[in-house]
Amino acid sequence: MCALAANIRADAEGRYDGAEHGWQAGVEWTLLWIENTAAHLTEGDGAGGRQGVSPE
């Protein structure tokens, strides 16, 4: 998941400079969510790693 987020981020950087700010914020939020989810999944907390996952 981290590799996917990194690839999306690298592909999107600078590509959509003319896009609306809200769209860019949505993409950034989504990437943070993916990275956060991946981090929780690899923590080995014994609860499946999905509880309390939020980029905020």
C-alpha atoms as a PDB file:
ATOM      1  CA  MET A   1       0.000   0.000   0.000  1.00  0.00           C
ATOM      2  CA  CYS A   2       2.853   2.374   0.787  1.00  0.00           C
ATOM      3  CA  ALA A   3       4.389   1.711  -2.622  1.00  0.00           C
ATOM      4  CA  LEU A   4       1.018   2.381  -4.275  1.00  0.00           C
ATOM      5  CA  ALA A   5       0.648   5.698  -2.432  1.00  0.00           C
ATOM      6  CA  ALA A   6       4.218   6.682  -3.332  1.00  0.00           C
ATOM      7  CA  ASN A   7       3.606   5.887  -7.003  1.00  0.00           C
ATOM      8  CA  ILE A   8       0.359   7.880  -7.058  1.00  0.00           C
ATOM      9  CA  ARG A   9       1.997  10.821  -5.291  1.00  0.00           C
ATOM     10  CA  ALA A  10       4.987  10.829  -7.668  1.00  0.00           C
ATOM     11  CA  ASP A  11       2.733  10.593 -10.718  1.00  0.00           C
ATOM     12  CA  ALA A  12       0.420  13.379  -9.534  1.00  0.00           C
ATOM     13  CA  GLU A  13       3.065  15.912  -8.410  1.00  0.00           C
ATOM     14  CA  GLY A  14       3.001  18.895 -10.704  1.00  0.00           C
ATOM     15  CA  ARG A  15       0.726  17.180 -13.170  1.00  0.00           C
ATOM     16  CA  TYR A  16      -2.502  18.840 -12.073  1.00  0.00           C
ATOM     17  CA  ASP A  17      -1.299  22.321 -11.148  1.00  0.00           C
ATOM     18  CA  GLY A  18      -4.312  23.860 -12.896  1.00  0.00           C
ATOM     19  CA  ALA A  19      -6.841  21.694 -11.046  1.00  0.00           C
ATOM     20  CA  GLU A  20      -9.136  23.057  -8.372  1.00  0.00           C
ATOM     21  CA  HIS A  21      -7.627  23.273  -4.891  1.00  0.00           C
ATOM     22  CA  GLY A  22     -10.367  21.062  -3.427  1.00  0.00           C
ATOM     23  CA  TRP A  23      -9.485  18.262  -5.815  1.00  0.00           C
ATOM     24  CA  GLN A  24      -5.833  18.403  -4.838  1.00  0.00           C
ATOM     25  CA  ALA A  25      -6.745  18.415  -1.140  1.00  0.00           C
ATOM     26  CA  GLY A  26      -8.913  15.334  -1.720  1.00  0.00           C
ATOM     27  CA  VAL A  27      -6.067  13.486  -3.415  1.00  0.00           C
ATOM     28  CA  GLU A  28      -3.683  14.432  -0.590  1.00  0.00           C
ATOM     29  CA  TRP A  29      -6.197  13.267   2.042  1.00  0.00           C
ATOM     30  CA  THR A  30      -6.640   9.957   0.213  1.00  0.00           C
ATOM     31  CA  LEU A  31      -2.892   9.381  -0.011  1.00  0.00           C
ATOM     32  CA  LEU A  32      -2.490  10.105   3.706  1.00  0.00           C
ATOM     33  CA  TRP A  33      -5.304   7.651   4.458  1.00  0.00           C
ATOM     34  CA  ILE A  34      -3.618   4.929   2.380  1.00  0.00           C
ATOM     35  CA  GLU A  35      -0.266   5.537   4.099  1.00  0.00           C
ATOM     36  CA  ASN A  36      -1.884   5.600   7.555  1.00  0.00           C
ATOM     37  CA  THR A  37      -3.830   2.411   6.863  1.00  0.00           C
ATOM     38  CA  ALA A  38      -0.689   0.659   5.670  1.00  0.00           C
ATOM     39  CA  ALA A  39       1.178   1.738   8.801  1.00  0.00           C
ATOM     40  CA  HIS A  40      -1.583   0.385  11.038  1.00  0.00           C
ATOM     41  CA  LEU A  41      -1.768  -2.880   9.125  1.00  0.00           C
ATOM     42  CA  THR A  42       1.938  -3.491   9.661  1.00  0.00           C
ATOM     43  CA  GLU A  43       1.928  -2.634  13.384  1.00  0.00           C
ATOM     44  CA  GLY A  44       0.781  -6.137  14.341  1.00  0.00           C
ATOM     45  CA  ASP A  45      -1.684  -4.885  16.919  1.00  0.00           C
ATOM     46  CA  GLY A  46      -3.634  -8.147  16.835  1.00  0.00           C
ATOM     47  CA  ALA A  47      -6.881  -6.357  15.964  1.00  0.00           C
ATOM     48  CA  GLY A  48      -6.540  -6.626  12.217  1.00  0.00           C
ATOM     49  CA  GLY A  49      -4.903  -3.208  12.084  1.00  0.00           C
ATOM     50  CA  ARG A  50      -8.008  -1.362  10.936  1.00  0.00           C
ATOM     51  CA  GLN A  51      -9.353   0.156  14.130  1.00  0.00           C
ATOM     52  CA  GLY A  52      -9.057   3.898  14.487  1.00  0.00           C
ATOM     53  CA  VAL A  53      -7.468   4.467  11.091  1.00  0.00           C
ATOM     54  CA  SER A  54      -7.863   8.091  10.056  1.00  0.00           C
ATOM     55  CA  PRO A  55      -5.470  10.589   8.502  1.00  0.00           C
ATOM     56  CA  GLU A  56      -6.766  13.277  10.870  1.00  0.00           C
END
